[in-house]
Amino acid sequence: MRLRALSFAVATGIVLAISFFLISLVVHLQGGGAHLNLMHRVCPCYCVSGAGCFLGLVYGFVYGFLGGGLLALVYNSMVREKA
């Protein structure tokens, strides 16, 4: 069974975007976190703040979309169709 690459990419992008948003929001409401500030090295302009939550949402979707799409393409290239 082959995966639909675009659908899989969008789904993983949405899941990762919501995850980044919720993690950023929880850490922001708890007063910040030193470990989450390290995301600034990977995601330019990101910081633990209210605006950072929404920026994390965007970065999460982009990274999830690219990673999910790549994973689906690699999976589809390795799977064999039944004859």
Protein backbone atom coordinates (compact mmCIF):
# COMPACT_ATOMS: atom_id res chain seq x y z
CA MET A 1 0.00 0.00 0.00
CA ARG A 2 1.43 3.32 -1.07
CA LEU A 3 1.04 6.55 0.87
CA ARG A 4 -0.36 9.73 -0.59
CA ALA A 5 2.66 11.96 -0.10
CA LEU A 6 0.82 15.29 -0.02
CA SER A 7 -1.84 14.07 2.41
CA PHE A 8 0.75 12.49 4.67
CA ALA A 9 2.87 15.66 4.59
CA VAL A 10 -0.08 17.88 5.52
CA ALA A 11 -1.13 15.52 8.33
CA THR A 12 2.33 15.36 9.87
CA GLY A 13 2.68 19.12 9.47
CA ILE A 14 -0.55 19.72 11.38
CA VAL A 15 0.39 17.30 14.16
CA LEU A 16 3.85 18.81 14.60
CA ALA A 17 2.48 22.37 14.42
CA ILE A 18 -0.04 21.71 17.18
CA SER A 19 2.66 19.98 19.24
CA PHE A 20 5.10 22.90 18.91
CA PHE A 21 2.33 25.36 19.75
CA LEU A 22 1.15 23.51 22.86
CA ILE A 23 4.66 22.86 24.15
CA SER A 24 5.61 26.52 23.65
CA LEU A 25 2.40 27.69 25.32
CA VAL A 26 2.80 25.44 28.37
CA VAL A 27 6.43 26.41 28.85
CA HIS A 28 5.58 30.11 28.38
CA LEU A 29 2.79 29.94 30.97
CA GLN A 30 5.13 28.20 33.42
CA GLY A 31 7.64 31.01 33.16
CA GLY A 32 9.96 29.96 30.35
CA GLY A 33 12.42 27.18 29.91
CA ALA A 34 16.12 27.08 29.19
CA HIS A 35 15.88 23.95 27.05
CA LEU A 36 13.16 25.33 24.80
CA ASN A 37 15.23 28.47 24.22
CA LEU A 38 17.69 26.24 22.36
CA MET A 39 15.14 26.00 19.54
CA HIS A 40 16.35 29.46 18.56
CA ARG A 41 19.39 27.76 16.99
CA VAL A 42 17.16 25.77 14.62
CA CYS A 43 14.25 28.20 14.26
CA PRO A 44 15.42 31.80 13.70
CA CYS A 45 13.44 34.49 15.58
CA TYR A 46 11.89 31.90 17.93
CA CYS A 47 11.67 32.70 21.63
CA VAL A 48 9.52 31.43 24.50
CA SER A 49 6.73 34.03 24.45
CA GLY A 50 3.19 34.51 23.24
CA ALA A 51 4.41 35.38 19.76
CA GLY A 52 6.86 32.48 19.93
CA CYS A 53 3.93 30.10 20.36
CA PHE A 54 2.51 31.17 17.01
CA LEU A 55 5.92 31.17 15.38
CA GLY A 56 6.38 27.63 16.71
CA LEU A 57 3.08 26.77 15.05
CA VAL A 58 4.44 27.91 11.68
CA TYR A 59 7.83 26.23 12.13
CA GLY A 60 6.14 23.03 13.28
CA PHE A 61 3.98 22.90 10.18
CA VAL A 62 6.88 23.59 7.84
CA TYR A 63 9.18 21.02 9.44
CA GLY A 64 6.39 18.45 9.72
CA PHE A 65 5.31 19.00 6.13
CA LEU A 66 8.84 18.63 4.78
CA GLY A 67 9.71 15.66 7.01
CA GLY A 68 6.40 13.89 6.41
CA GLY A 69 6.60 14.42 2.67
CA LEU A 70 10.15 13.11 2.55
CA LEU A 71 9.22 10.11 4.68
CA ALA A 72 6.26 9.31 2.41
CA LEU A 73 8.40 9.57 -0.71
CA VAL A 74 11.07 7.28 0.74
CA TYR A 75 8.42 4.82 1.90
CA ASN A 76 6.73 4.82 -1.52
CA SER A 77 10.04 4.19 -3.25
CA MET A 78 10.67 1.13 -1.05
CA VAL A 79 7.23 -0.50 -1.08
CA ARG A 80 6.22 -2.88 -3.82
CA GLU A 81 2.78 -2.91 -5.36
CA LYS A 82 0.91 -6.19 -5.38
CA ALA A 83 0.62 -7.60 -8.87
